[in-house]
Structure formats: structure tokens, C-alpha cells
Amino acid sequence: MNKLSIDDILKIDLKTEMVEVPEWGGSVTIKELNAKEVEDFGITVNKSPGDALGLMCQLSIVNDDGTKMFHKNKIDQLIGKSHSALLKIFNASMVLSGLSDKAAEDIEKN
């Protein structure tokens, strides 16, 4: 196994994948959450579980250049969209970001 240098580690990009969203007539690109985003997500979910769906989608949906498509001030507009569409994105984002199935189940219950 190769020993990584600091430069090797810092140039590694977060994973992305396409998620089909038939409700919207196409697909979106999602990215793996970074460590800070996972921590922020966990803090928010513990304080206000009802915000989990919108926040996860806001954090993970990205443009082609990797920038977030929805900024925090657009979450209200985003959560006004199809629940089933957002749930597809949420579930795919949870898996891509390495968050447990148990965490996803707990969040969905709330």
C-alpha cells in the first residue's frame, strides 16, 4: 500500500454521482458530504429533525463544477418540492456520504 503525503490527501476529491429524479424529468448530481458538512448535518438533525431532508439535499446537490446548486437561503424553496424526489436524493446522499442506514431510518421517522 502506498503511503500518502499531505499533497496526496489534499488533492483527493469528494465522490459524486448522478441521481435520477423522474418527478423532475431528469437527474441531478450529488456530492459526498465533507467532514464539516456531516458534523453540521448531525448538529442540525439533533436540534431539529424536521430539517434533515432539506438540509441534506441542499448540502449535496451540486452544479457541474461541484458548487452547491442551492444555498442555505434557498432551502425553503427546495423543501417545497416533491417529497418523493427529495427522498431519493436524501437516501442516495446518505449512502454516498457513508452515513449509516440506521441514521437514515431515524431521520425518516422524524
PDB file of N, CA and C in Angstrom:
ATOM      1  N   MET A   1       0.850  -1.173   0.000  1.00  0.00           N
ATOM      2  CA  MET A   1       0.000   0.000   0.000  1.00  0.00           C
ATOM      3  C   MET A   1       0.897   1.237   0.000  1.00  0.00           C
ATOM      4  N   ASN A   2       0.519   2.248  -0.765  1.00  0.00           N
ATOM      5  CA  ASN A   2       1.293   3.488  -0.849  1.00  0.00           C
ATOM      6  C   ASN A   2       1.048   4.374   0.364  1.00  0.00           C
ATOM      7  N   LYS A   3       2.114   4.959   0.865  1.00  0.00           N
ATOM      8  CA  LYS A   3       1.981   5.926   1.942  1.00  0.00           C
ATOM      9  C   LYS A   3       1.645   7.277   1.320  1.00  0.00           C
ATOM     10  N   LEU A   4       0.584   7.914   1.794  1.00  0.00           N
ATOM     11  CA  LEU A   4       0.118   9.187   1.249  1.00  0.00           C
ATOM     12  C   LEU A   4       0.837  10.367   1.879  1.00  0.00           C
ATOM     13  N   SER A   5       1.103  11.351   1.064  1.00  0.00           N
ATOM     14  CA  SER A   5       1.660  12.614   1.553  1.00  0.00           C
ATOM     15  C   SER A   5       0.499  13.577   1.804  1.00  0.00           C
ATOM     16  N   ILE A   6       0.802  14.702   2.404  1.00  0.00           N
ATOM     17  CA  ILE A   6      -0.233  15.720   2.615  1.00  0.00           C
ATOM     18  C   ILE A   6      -0.801  16.192   1.275  1.00  0.00           C
ATOM     19  N   ASP A   7       0.054  16.342   0.279  1.00  0.00           N
ATOM     20  CA  ASP A   7      -0.422  16.762  -1.048  1.00  0.00           C
ATOM     21  C   ASP A   7      -1.349  15.717  -1.661  1.00  0.00           C
ATOM     22  N   ASP A   8      -1.016  14.432  -1.485  1.00  0.00           N
ATOM     23  CA  ASP A   8      -1.882  13.364  -1.991  1.00  0.00           C
ATOM     24  C   ASP A   8      -3.273  13.443  -1.365  1.00  0.00           C
ATOM     25  N   ILE A   9      -3.311  13.650  -0.075  1.00  0.00           N
ATOM     26  CA  ILE A   9      -4.585  13.699   0.653  1.00  0.00           C
ATOM     27  C   ILE A   9      -5.399  14.918   0.248  1.00  0.00           C
ATOM     28  N   LEU A  10      -4.755  16.068   0.159  1.00  0.00           N
ATOM     29  CA  LEU A  10      -5.485  17.303  -0.135  1.00  0.00           C
ATOM     30  C   LEU A  10      -6.014  17.375  -1.565  1.00  0.00           C
ATOM     31  N   LYS A  11      -5.435  16.623  -2.484  1.00  0.00           N
ATOM     32  CA  LYS A  11      -5.923  16.688  -3.864  1.00  0.00           C
ATOM     33  C   LYS A  11      -7.034  15.677  -4.155  1.00  0.00           C
ATOM     34  N   ILE A  12      -7.347  14.832  -3.180  1.00  0.00           N
ATOM     35  CA  ILE A  12      -8.421  13.855  -3.373  1.00  0.00           C
ATOM     36  C   ILE A  12      -9.756  14.588  -3.347  1.00  0.00           C
ATOM     37  N   ASP A  13     -10.558  14.357  -4.386  1.00  0.00           N
ATOM     38  CA  ASP A  13     -11.873  14.990  -4.464  1.00  0.00           C
ATOM     39  C   ASP A  13     -12.931  14.125  -3.794  1.00  0.00           C
ATOM     40  N   LEU A  14     -14.004  14.758  -3.403  1.00  0.00           N
ATOM     41  CA  LEU A  14     -15.154  14.035  -2.874  1.00  0.00           C
ATOM     42  C   LEU A  14     -15.861  13.327  -4.027  1.00  0.00           C
ATOM     43  N   LYS A  15     -16.444  12.181  -3.731  1.00  0.00           N
ATOM     44  CA  LYS A  15     -17.151  11.408  -4.756  1.00  0.00           C
ATOM     45  C   LYS A  15     -18.431  12.140  -5.164  1.00  0.00           C
ATOM     46  N   THR A  16     -18.815  11.934  -6.409  1.00  0.00           N
ATOM     47  CA  THR A  16     -20.098  12.442  -6.904  1.00  0.00           C
ATOM     48  C   THR A  16     -20.814  11.313  -7.635  1.00  0.00           C
ATOM     49  N   GLU A  17     -22.119  11.480  -7.792  1.00  0.00           N
ATOM     50  CA  GLU A  17     -22.886  10.541  -8.605  1.00  0.00           C
ATOM     51  C   GLU A  17     -24.155  11.225  -9.094  1.00  0.00           C
ATOM     52  N   MET A  18     -24.701  10.661 -10.150  1.00  0.00           N
ATOM     53  CA  MET A  18     -25.957  11.159 -10.712  1.00  0.00           C
ATOM     54  C   MET A  18     -27.113  10.400 -10.068  1.00  0.00           C
ATOM     55  N   VAL A  19     -28.175  11.125  -9.755  1.00  0.00           N
ATOM     56  CA  VAL A  19     -29.384  10.522  -9.192  1.00  0.00           C
ATOM     57  C   VAL A  19     -30.541  10.851 -10.128  1.00  0.00           C
ATOM     58  N   GLU A  20     -31.199   9.817 -10.610  1.00  0.00           N
ATOM     59  CA  GLU A  20     -32.375  10.012 -11.457  1.00  0.00           C
ATOM     60  C   GLU A  20     -33.540  10.490 -10.595  1.00  0.00           C
ATOM     61  N   VAL A  21     -34.191  11.545 -11.054  1.00  0.00           N
ATOM     62  CA  VAL A  21     -35.333  12.105 -10.338  1.00  0.00           C
ATOM     63  C   VAL A  21     -36.483  12.224 -11.340  1.00  0.00           C
ATOM     64  N   PRO A  22     -37.205  11.114 -11.555  1.00  0.00           N
ATOM     65  CA  PRO A  22     -38.284  11.116 -12.553  1.00  0.00           C
ATOM     66  C   PRO A  22     -39.340  12.191 -12.297  1.00  0.00           C
ATOM     67  N   GLU A  23     -39.556  12.515 -11.021  1.00  0.00           N
ATOM     68  CA  GLU A  23     -40.542  13.543 -10.677  1.00  0.00           C
ATOM     69  C   GLU A  23     -40.174  14.893 -11.290  1.00  0.00           C
ATOM     70  N   TRP A  24     -38.889  15.099 -11.527  1.00  0.00           N
ATOM     71  CA  TRP A  24     -38.415  16.359 -12.095  1.00  0.00           C
ATOM     72  C   TRP A  24     -38.055  16.222 -13.571  1.00  0.00           C
ATOM     73  N   GLY A  25     -38.189  15.000 -14.099  1.00  0.00           N
ATOM     74  CA  GLY A  25     -37.927  14.782 -15.515  1.00  0.00           C
ATOM     75  C   GLY A  25     -36.459  14.732 -15.889  1.00  0.00           C
ATOM     76  N   GLY A  26     -35.597  14.332 -14.954  1.00  0.00           N
ATOM     77  CA  GLY A  26     -34.175  14.263 -15.270  1.00  0.00           C
ATOM     78  C   GLY A  26     -33.364  13.759 -14.094  1.00  0.00           C
ATOM     79  N   SER A  27     -32.126  14.192 -14.028  1.00  0.00           N
ATOM     80  CA  SER A  27     -31.245  13.750 -12.955  1.00  0.00           C
ATOM     81  C   SER A  27     -30.483  14.942 -12.382  1.00  0.00           C
ATOM     82  N   VAL A  28     -29.953  14.740 -11.194  1.00  0.00           N
ATOM     83  CA  VAL A  28     -29.121  15.749 -10.546  1.00  0.00           C
ATOM     84  C   VAL A  28     -27.812  15.091 -10.128  1.00  0.00           C
ATOM     85  N   THR A  29     -26.783  15.909  -9.991  1.00  0.00           N
ATOM     86  CA  THR A  29     -25.511  15.423  -9.471  1.00  0.00           C
ATOM     87  C   THR A  29     -25.476  15.719  -7.980  1.00  0.00           C
ATOM     88  N   ILE A  30     -25.096  14.705  -7.219  1.00  0.00           N
ATOM     89  CA  ILE A  30     -24.907  14.899  -5.786  1.00  0.00           C
ATOM     90  C   ILE A  30     -23.444  14.632  -5.456  1.00  0.00           C
ATOM     91  N   LYS A  31     -22.995  15.240  -4.362  1.00  0.00           N
ATOM     92  CA  LYS A  31     -21.622  15.009  -3.908  1.00  0.00           C
ATOM     93  C   LYS A  31     -21.632  14.445  -2.497  1.00  0.00           C
ATOM     94  N   GLU A  32     -20.570  13.746  -2.197  1.00  0.00           N
ATOM     95  CA  GLU A  32     -20.341  13.246  -0.847  1.00  0.00           C
ATOM     96  C   GLU A  32     -20.140  14.443   0.086  1.00  0.00           C
ATOM     97  N   LEU A  33     -20.742  14.400   1.256  1.00  0.00           N
ATOM     98  CA  LEU A  33     -20.535  15.474   2.220  1.00  0.00           C
ATOM     99  C   LEU A  33     -19.114  15.394   2.785  1.00  0.00           C
ATOM    100  N   ASN A  34     -18.513  16.555   3.006  1.00  0.00           N
ATOM    101  CA  ASN A  34     -17.205  16.557   3.662  1.00  0.00           C
ATOM    102  C   ASN A  34     -17.419  16.439   5.174  1.00  0.00           C
ATOM    103  N   ALA A  35     -16.327  16.305   5.910  1.00  0.00           N
ATOM    104  CA  ALA A  35     -16.414  16.075   7.357  1.00  0.00           C
ATOM    105  C   ALA A  35     -17.163  17.201   8.074  1.00  0.00           C
ATOM    106  N   LYS A  36     -16.904  18.443   7.706  1.00  0.00           N
ATOM    107  CA  LYS A  36     -17.573  19.592   8.344  1.00  0.00           C
ATOM    108  C   LYS A  36     -19.072  19.551   8.077  1.00  0.00           C
ATOM    109  N   GLU A  37     -19.450  19.230   6.835  1.00  0.00           N
ATOM    110  CA  GLU A  37     -20.873  19.165   6.492  1.00  0.00           C
ATOM    111  C   GLU A  37     -21.573  18.048   7.248  1.00  0.00           C
ATOM    112  N   VAL A  38     -20.910  16.913   7.420  1.00  0.00           N
ATOM    113  CA  VAL A  38     -21.503  15.811   8.187  1.00  0.00           C
ATOM    114  C   VAL A  38     -21.726  16.243   9.634  1.00  0.00           C
ATOM    115  N   GLU A  39     -20.744  16.925  10.215  1.00  0.00           N
ATOM    116  CA  GLU A  39     -20.897  17.413  11.591  1.00  0.00           C
ATOM    117  C   GLU A  39     -22.040  18.419  11.697  1.00  0.00           C
ATOM    118  N   ASP A  40     -22.091  19.373  10.769  1.00  0.00           N
ATOM    119  CA  ASP A  40     -23.160  20.374  10.777  1.00  0.00           C
ATOM    120  C   ASP A  40     -24.527  19.712  10.596  1.00  0.00           C
ATOM    121  N   PHE A  41     -24.585  18.717   9.708  1.00  0.00           N
ATOM    122  CA  PHE A  41     -25.825  17.988   9.472  1.00  0.00           C
ATOM    123  C   PHE A  41     -26.277  17.295  10.759  1.00  0.00           C
ATOM    124  N   GLY A  42     -25.342  16.622  11.433  1.00  0.00           N
ATOM    125  CA  GLY A  42     -25.679  15.927  12.678  1.00  0.00           C
ATOM    126  C   GLY A  42     -26.172  16.871  13.753  1.00  0.00           C
ATOM    127  N   ILE A  43     -25.541  18.022  13.897  1.00  0.00           N
ATOM    128  CA  ILE A  43     -25.957  19.015  14.885  1.00  0.00           C
ATOM    129  C   ILE A  43     -27.367  19.513  14.573  1.00  0.00           C
ATOM    130  N   THR A  44     -27.615  19.820  13.315  1.00  0.00           N
ATOM    131  CA  THR A  44     -28.933  20.322  12.909  1.00  0.00           C
ATOM    132  C   THR A  44     -30.007  19.275  13.146  1.00  0.00           C
ATOM    133  N   VAL A  45     -29.723  18.027  12.781  1.00  0.00           N
ATOM    134  CA  VAL A  45     -30.716  16.957  12.932  1.00  0.00           C
ATOM    135  C   VAL A  45     -31.034  16.715  14.399  1.00  0.00           C
ATOM    136  N   ASN A  46     -30.025  16.793  15.260  1.00  0.00           N
ATOM    137  CA  ASN A  46     -30.277  16.608  16.692  1.00  0.00           C
ATOM    138  C   ASN A  46     -31.132  17.724  17.260  1.00  0.00           C
ATOM    139  N   LYS A  47     -30.939  18.947  16.774  1.00  0.00           N
ATOM    140  CA  LYS A  47     -31.721  20.086  17.270  1.00  0.00           C
ATOM    141  C   LYS A  47     -33.106  20.148  16.636  1.00  0.00           C
ATOM    142  N   SER A  48     -33.175  19.837  15.345  1.00  0.00           N
ATOM    143  CA  SER A  48     -34.423  19.989  14.604  1.00  0.00           C
ATOM    144  C   SER A  48     -34.533  18.911  13.526  1.00  0.00           C
ATOM    145  N   PRO A  49     -34.973  17.686  13.904  1.00  0.00           N
ATOM    146  CA  PRO A  49     -35.017  16.571  12.968  1.00  0.00           C
ATOM    147  C   PRO A  49     -35.831  16.844  11.696  1.00  0.00           C
ATOM    148  N   GLY A  50     -36.801  17.716  11.789  1.00  0.00           N
ATOM    149  CA  GLY A  50     -37.635  18.017  10.626  1.00  0.00           C
ATOM    150  C   GLY A  50     -36.903  18.737   9.514  1.00  0.00           C
ATOM    151  N   ASP A  51     -35.698  19.240   9.806  1.00  0.00           N
ATOM    152  CA  ASP A  51     -34.923  19.954   8.796  1.00  0.00           C
ATOM    153  C   ASP A  51     -33.961  19.054   8.029  1.00  0.00           C
ATOM    154  N   ALA A  52     -33.917  17.764   8.360  1.00  0.00           N
ATOM    155  CA  ALA A  52     -32.921  16.855   7.797  1.00  0.00           C
ATOM    156  C   ALA A  52     -33.034  16.701   6.285  1.00  0.00           C
ATOM    157  N   LEU A  53     -34.221  16.500   5.786  1.00  0.00           N
ATOM    158  CA  LEU A  53     -34.410  16.240   4.359  1.00  0.00           C
ATOM    159  C   LEU A  53     -33.923  17.417   3.515  1.00  0.00           C
ATOM    160  N   GLY A  54     -34.388  18.598   3.830  1.00  0.00           N
ATOM    161  CA  GLY A  54     -33.995  19.777   3.067  1.00  0.00           C
ATOM    162  C   GLY A  54     -32.522  20.083   3.185  1.00  0.00           C
ATOM    163  N   LEU A  55     -31.969  19.945   4.394  1.00  0.00           N
ATOM    164  CA  LEU A  55     -30.560  20.256   4.590  1.00  0.00           C
ATOM    165  C   LEU A  55     -29.673  19.290   3.825  1.00  0.00           C
ATOM    166  N   MET A  56     -29.967  17.988   3.897  1.00  0.00           N
ATOM    167  CA  MET A  56     -29.139  17.016   3.179  1.00  0.00           C
ATOM    168  C   MET A  56     -29.158  17.295   1.682  1.00  0.00           C
ATOM    169  N   CYS A  57     -30.334  17.583   1.144  1.00  0.00           N
ATOM    170  CA  CYS A  57     -30.432  17.875  -0.289  1.00  0.00           C
ATOM    171  C   CYS A  57     -29.693  19.156  -0.629  1.00  0.00           C
ATOM    172  N   GLN A  58     -29.812  20.170   0.204  1.00  0.00           N
ATOM    173  CA  GLN A  58     -29.123  21.443  -0.036  1.00  0.00           C
ATOM    174  C   GLN A  58     -27.612  21.256  -0.011  1.00  0.00           C
ATOM    175  N   LEU A  59     -27.120  20.448   0.903  1.00  0.00           N
ATOM    176  CA  LEU A  59     -25.686  20.231   1.017  1.00  0.00           C
ATOM    177  C   LEU A  59     -25.123  19.377  -0.113  1.00  0.00           C
ATOM    178  N   SER A  60     -25.935  18.500  -0.678  1.00  0.00           N
ATOM    179  CA  SER A  60     -25.377  17.517  -1.605  1.00  0.00           C
ATOM    180  C   SER A  60     -25.643  17.777  -3.086  1.00  0.00           C
ATOM    181  N   ILE A  61     -26.693  18.507  -3.458  1.00  0.00           N
ATOM    182  CA  ILE A  61     -26.959  18.751  -4.880  1.00  0.00           C
ATOM    183  C   ILE A  61     -25.974  19.805  -5.385  1.00  0.00           C
ATOM    184  N   VAL A  62     -25.245  19.448  -6.455  1.00  0.00           N
ATOM    185  CA  VAL A  62     -24.220  20.352  -6.966  1.00  0.00           C
ATOM    186  C   VAL A  62     -24.375  20.598  -8.472  1.00  0.00           C
ATOM    187  N   ASN A  63     -23.810  21.712  -8.890  1.00  0.00           N
ATOM    188  CA  ASN A  63     -23.709  22.039 -10.313  1.00  0.00           C
ATOM    189  C   ASN A  63     -22.585  21.208 -10.933  1.00  0.00           C
ATOM    190  N   ASP A  64     -22.428  21.312 -12.246  1.00  0.00           N
ATOM    191  CA  ASP A  64     -21.384  20.559 -12.939  1.00  0.00           C
ATOM    192  C   ASP A  64     -19.984  20.889 -12.443  1.00  0.00           C
ATOM    193  N   ASP A  65     -19.784  22.094 -11.951  1.00  0.00           N
ATOM    194  CA  ASP A  65     -18.452  22.487 -11.471  1.00  0.00           C
ATOM    195  C   ASP A  65     -18.227  22.125  -9.992  1.00  0.00           C
ATOM    196  N   GLY A  66     -19.213  21.435  -9.373  1.00  0.00           N
ATOM    197  CA  GLY A  66     -19.072  20.990  -7.991  1.00  0.00           C
ATOM    198  C   GLY A  66     -19.566  21.972  -6.948  1.00  0.00           C
ATOM    199  N   THR A  67     -19.999  23.156  -7.371  1.00  0.00           N
ATOM    200  CA  THR A  67     -20.533  24.131  -6.417  1.00  0.00           C
ATOM    201  C   THR A  67     -21.972  23.768  -6.055  1.00  0.00           C
ATOM    202  N   LYS A  68     -22.365  24.140  -4.850  1.00  0.00           N
ATOM    203  CA  LYS A  68     -23.735  23.852  -4.421  1.00  0.00           C
ATOM    204  C   LYS A  68     -24.746  24.553  -5.325  1.00  0.00           C
ATOM    205  N   MET A  69     -25.768  23.833  -5.728  1.00  0.00           N
ATOM    206  CA  MET A  69     -26.823  24.399  -6.549  1.00  0.00           C
ATOM    207  C   MET A  69     -27.752  25.271  -5.700  1.00  0.00           C
ATOM    208  N   PHE A  70     -28.027  24.805  -4.478  1.00  0.00           N
ATOM    209  CA  PHE A  70     -28.931  25.517  -3.579  1.00  0.00           C
ATOM    210  C   PHE A  70     -28.155  26.038  -2.380  1.00  0.00           C
ATOM    211  N   HIS A  71     -28.213  27.323  -2.169  1.00  0.00           N
ATOM    212  CA  HIS A  71     -27.572  27.907  -0.991  1.00  0.00           C
ATOM    213  C   HIS A  71     -28.570  27.869   0.155  1.00  0.00           C
ATOM    214  N   LYS A  72     -28.088  28.091   1.369  1.00  0.00           N
ATOM    215  CA  LYS A  72     -28.955  27.984   2.551  1.00  0.00           C
ATOM    216  C   LYS A  72     -30.216  28.827   2.439  1.00  0.00           C
ATOM    217  N   ASN A  73     -30.135  29.971   1.775  1.00  0.00           N
ATOM    218  CA  ASN A  73     -31.318  30.829   1.660  1.00  0.00           C
ATOM    219  C   ASN A  73     -32.347  30.272   0.682  1.00  0.00           C
ATOM    220  N   LYS A  74     -32.046  29.155   0.033  1.00  0.00           N
ATOM    221  CA  LYS A  74     -32.980  28.532  -0.911  1.00  0.00           C
ATOM    222  C   LYS A  74     -33.601  27.248  -0.370  1.00  0.00           C
ATOM    223  N   ILE A  75     -33.275  26.873   0.874  1.00  0.00           N
ATOM    224  CA  ILE A  75     -33.803  25.617   1.431  1.00  0.00           C
ATOM    225  C   ILE A  75     -35.328  25.624   1.450  1.00  0.00           C
ATOM    226  N   ASP A  76     -35.947  26.744   1.818  1.00  0.00           N
ATOM    227  CA  ASP A  76     -37.410  26.798   1.875  1.00  0.00           C
ATOM    228  C   ASP A  76     -38.021  26.501   0.510  1.00  0.00           C
ATOM    229  N   GLN A  77     -37.415  27.004  -0.546  1.00  0.00           N
ATOM    230  CA  GLN A  77     -37.906  26.707  -1.891  1.00  0.00           C
ATOM    231  C   GLN A  77     -37.688  25.238  -2.232  1.00  0.00           C
ATOM    232  N   LEU A  78     -36.546  24.713  -1.847  1.00  0.00           N
ATOM    233  CA  LEU A  78     -36.227  23.317  -2.132  1.00  0.00           C
ATOM    234  C   LEU A  78     -37.198  22.371  -1.433  1.00  0.00           C
ATOM    235  N   ILE A  79     -37.492  22.612  -0.160  1.00  0.00           N
ATOM    236  CA  ILE A  79     -38.385  21.694   0.564  1.00  0.00           C
ATOM    237  C   ILE A  79     -39.838  21.839   0.141  1.00  0.00           C
ATOM    238  N   GLY A  80     -40.125  22.822  -0.695  1.00  0.00           N
ATOM    239  CA  GLY A  80     -41.460  22.940  -1.268  1.00  0.00           C
ATOM    240  C   GLY A  80     -41.667  22.034  -2.468  1.00  0.00           C
ATOM    241  N   LYS A  81     -40.638  21.279  -2.823  1.00  0.00           N
ATOM    242  CA  LYS A  81     -40.695  20.378  -3.972  1.00  0.00           C
ATOM    243  C   LYS A  81     -41.154  18.986  -3.543  1.00  0.00           C
ATOM    244  N   SER A  82     -41.324  18.104  -4.510  1.00  0.00           N
ATOM    245  CA  SER A  82     -41.812  16.745  -4.299  1.00  0.00           C
ATOM    246  C   SER A  82     -41.046  16.013  -3.195  1.00  0.00           C
ATOM    247  N   HIS A  83     -41.801  15.515  -2.223  1.00  0.00           N
ATOM    248  CA  HIS A  83     -41.190  14.756  -1.134  1.00  0.00           C
ATOM    249  C   HIS A  83     -40.497  13.512  -1.668  1.00  0.00           C
ATOM    250  N   SER A  84     -41.131  12.802  -2.584  1.00  0.00           N
ATOM    251  CA  SER A  84     -40.516  11.572  -3.091  1.00  0.00           C
ATOM    252  C   SER A  84     -39.232  11.866  -3.865  1.00  0.00           C
ATOM    253  N   ALA A  85     -39.185  12.993  -4.578  1.00  0.00           N
ATOM    254  CA  ALA A  85     -37.964  13.379  -5.288  1.00  0.00           C
ATOM    255  C   ALA A  85     -36.848  13.682  -4.283  1.00  0.00           C
ATOM    256  N   LEU A  86     -37.165  14.469  -3.273  1.00  0.00           N
ATOM    257  CA  LEU A  86     -36.165  14.823  -2.276  1.00  0.00           C
ATOM    258  C   LEU A  86     -35.697  13.599  -1.492  1.00  0.00           C
ATOM    259  N   LEU A  87     -36.609  12.670  -1.244  1.00  0.00           N
ATOM    260  CA  LEU A  87     -36.244  11.452  -0.522  1.00  0.00           C
ATOM    261  C   LEU A  87     -35.262  10.600  -1.314  1.00  0.00           C
ATOM    262  N   LYS A  88     -35.417  10.529  -2.635  1.00  0.00           N
ATOM    263  CA  LYS A  88     -34.453   9.813  -3.478  1.00  0.00           C
ATOM    264  C   LYS A  88     -33.065  10.429  -3.329  1.00  0.00           C
ATOM    265  N   ILE A  89     -33.001  11.740  -3.383  1.00  0.00           N
ATOM    266  CA  ILE A  89     -31.729  12.445  -3.265  1.00  0.00           C
ATOM    267  C   ILE A  89     -31.153  12.255  -1.863  1.00  0.00           C
ATOM    268  N   PHE A  90     -31.995  12.400  -0.852  1.00  0.00           N
ATOM    269  CA  PHE A  90     -31.577  12.216   0.537  1.00  0.00           C
ATOM    270  C   PHE A  90     -30.946  10.845   0.745  1.00  0.00           C
ATOM    271  N   ASN A  91     -31.641   9.793   0.318  1.00  0.00           N
ATOM    272  CA  ASN A  91     -31.158   8.428   0.520  1.00  0.00           C
ATOM    273  C   ASN A  91     -29.837   8.190  -0.207  1.00  0.00           C
ATOM    274  N   ALA A  92     -29.746   8.654  -1.441  1.00  0.00           N
ATOM    275  CA  ALA A  92     -28.501   8.494  -2.204  1.00  0.00           C
ATOM    276  C   ALA A  92     -27.356   9.270  -1.536  1.00  0.00           C
ATOM    277  N   SER A  93     -27.652  10.444  -1.020  1.00  0.00           N
ATOM    278  CA  SER A  93     -26.633  11.259  -0.354  1.00  0.00           C
ATOM    279  C   SER A  93     -26.151  10.617   0.936  1.00  0.00           C
ATOM    280  N   MET A  94     -27.056  10.032   1.675  1.00  0.00           N
ATOM    281  CA  MET A  94     -26.682   9.344   2.908  1.00  0.00           C
ATOM    282  C   MET A  94     -25.710   8.204   2.601  1.00  0.00           C
ATOM    283  N   VAL A  95     -26.018   7.413   1.594  1.00  0.00           N
ATOM    284  CA  VAL A  95     -25.156   6.286   1.221  1.00  0.00           C
ATOM    285  C   VAL A  95     -23.808   6.799   0.716  1.00  0.00           C
ATOM    286  N   LEU A  96     -23.824   7.768  -0.200  1.00  0.00           N
ATOM    287  CA  LEU A  96     -22.592   8.305  -0.774  1.00  0.00           C
ATOM    288  C   LEU A  96     -21.685   8.907   0.299  1.00  0.00           C
ATOM    289  N   SER A  97     -22.288   9.493   1.322  1.00  0.00           N
ATOM    290  CA  SER A  97     -21.523  10.143   2.383  1.00  0.00           C
ATOM    291  C   SER A  97     -21.135   9.187   3.504  1.00  0.00           C
ATOM    292  N   GLY A  98     -21.493   7.914   3.369  1.00  0.00           N
ATOM    293  CA  GLY A  98     -21.091   6.912   4.352  1.00  0.00           C
ATOM    294  C   GLY A  98     -21.840   6.984   5.662  1.00  0.00           C
ATOM    295  N   LEU A  99     -23.004   7.597   5.640  1.00  0.00           N
ATOM    296  CA  LEU A  99     -23.818   7.670   6.852  1.00  0.00           C
ATOM    297  C   LEU A  99     -24.637   6.393   6.955  1.00  0.00           C
ATOM    298  N   SER A 100     -24.859   5.918   8.152  1.00  0.00           N
ATOM    299  CA  SER A 100     -25.456   4.604   8.369  1.00  0.00           C
ATOM    300  C   SER A 100     -26.915   4.532   7.953  1.00  0.00           C
ATOM    301  N   ASP A 101     -27.334   3.320   7.613  1.00  0.00           N
ATOM    302  CA  ASP A 101     -28.740   3.076   7.323  1.00  0.00           C
ATOM    303  C   ASP A 101     -29.590   3.384   8.553  1.00  0.00           C
ATOM    304  N   LYS A 102     -29.063   3.104   9.738  1.00  0.00           N
ATOM    305  CA  LYS A 102     -29.788   3.365  10.974  1.00  0.00           C
ATOM    306  C   LYS A 102     -30.049   4.863  11.121  1.00  0.00           C
ATOM    307  N   ALA A 103     -29.052   5.688  10.816  1.00  0.00           N
ATOM    308  CA  ALA A 103     -29.226   7.144  10.896  1.00  0.00           C
ATOM    309  C   ALA A 103     -30.297   7.589   9.915  1.00  0.00           C
ATOM    310  N   ALA A 104     -30.268   7.037   8.727  1.00  0.00           N
ATOM    311  CA  ALA A 104     -31.268   7.400   7.717  1.00  0.00           C
ATOM    312  C   ALA A 104     -32.661   7.016   8.190  1.00  0.00           C
ATOM    313  N   GLU A 105     -32.794   5.833   8.777  1.00  0.00           N
ATOM    314  CA  GLU A 105     -34.097   5.387   9.272  1.00  0.00           C
ATOM    315  C   GLU A 105     -34.606   6.295  10.389  1.00  0.00           C
ATOM    316  N   ASP A 106     -33.726   6.654  11.313  1.00  0.00           N
ATOM    317  CA  ASP A 106     -34.109   7.535  12.411  1.00  0.00           C
ATOM    318  C   ASP A 106     -34.576   8.885  11.906  1.00  0.00           C
ATOM    319  N   ILE A 107     -33.873   9.417  10.926  1.00  0.00           N
ATOM    320  CA  ILE A 107     -34.228  10.719  10.370  1.00  0.00           C
ATOM    321  C   ILE A 107     -35.559  10.639   9.645  1.00  0.00           C
ATOM    322  N   GLU A 108     -35.763   9.581   8.859  1.00  0.00           N
ATOM    323  CA  GLU A 108     -37.025   9.426   8.134  1.00  0.00           C
ATOM    324  C   GLU A 108     -38.211   9.324   9.096  1.00  0.00           C
ATOM    325  N   LYS A 109     -38.020   8.672  10.242  1.00  0.00           N
ATOM    326  CA  LYS A 109     -39.092   8.541  11.237  1.00  0.00           C
ATOM    327  C   LYS A 109     -39.515   9.912  11.765  1.00  0.00           C
ATOM    328  N   ASN A 110     -38.537  10.811  11.916  1.00  0.00           N
ATOM    329  CA  ASN A 110     -38.809  12.126  12.447  1.00  0.00           C
ATOM    330  C   ASN A 110     -39.332  13.060  11.365  1.00  0.00           C
TER     331      ASN A 110
END
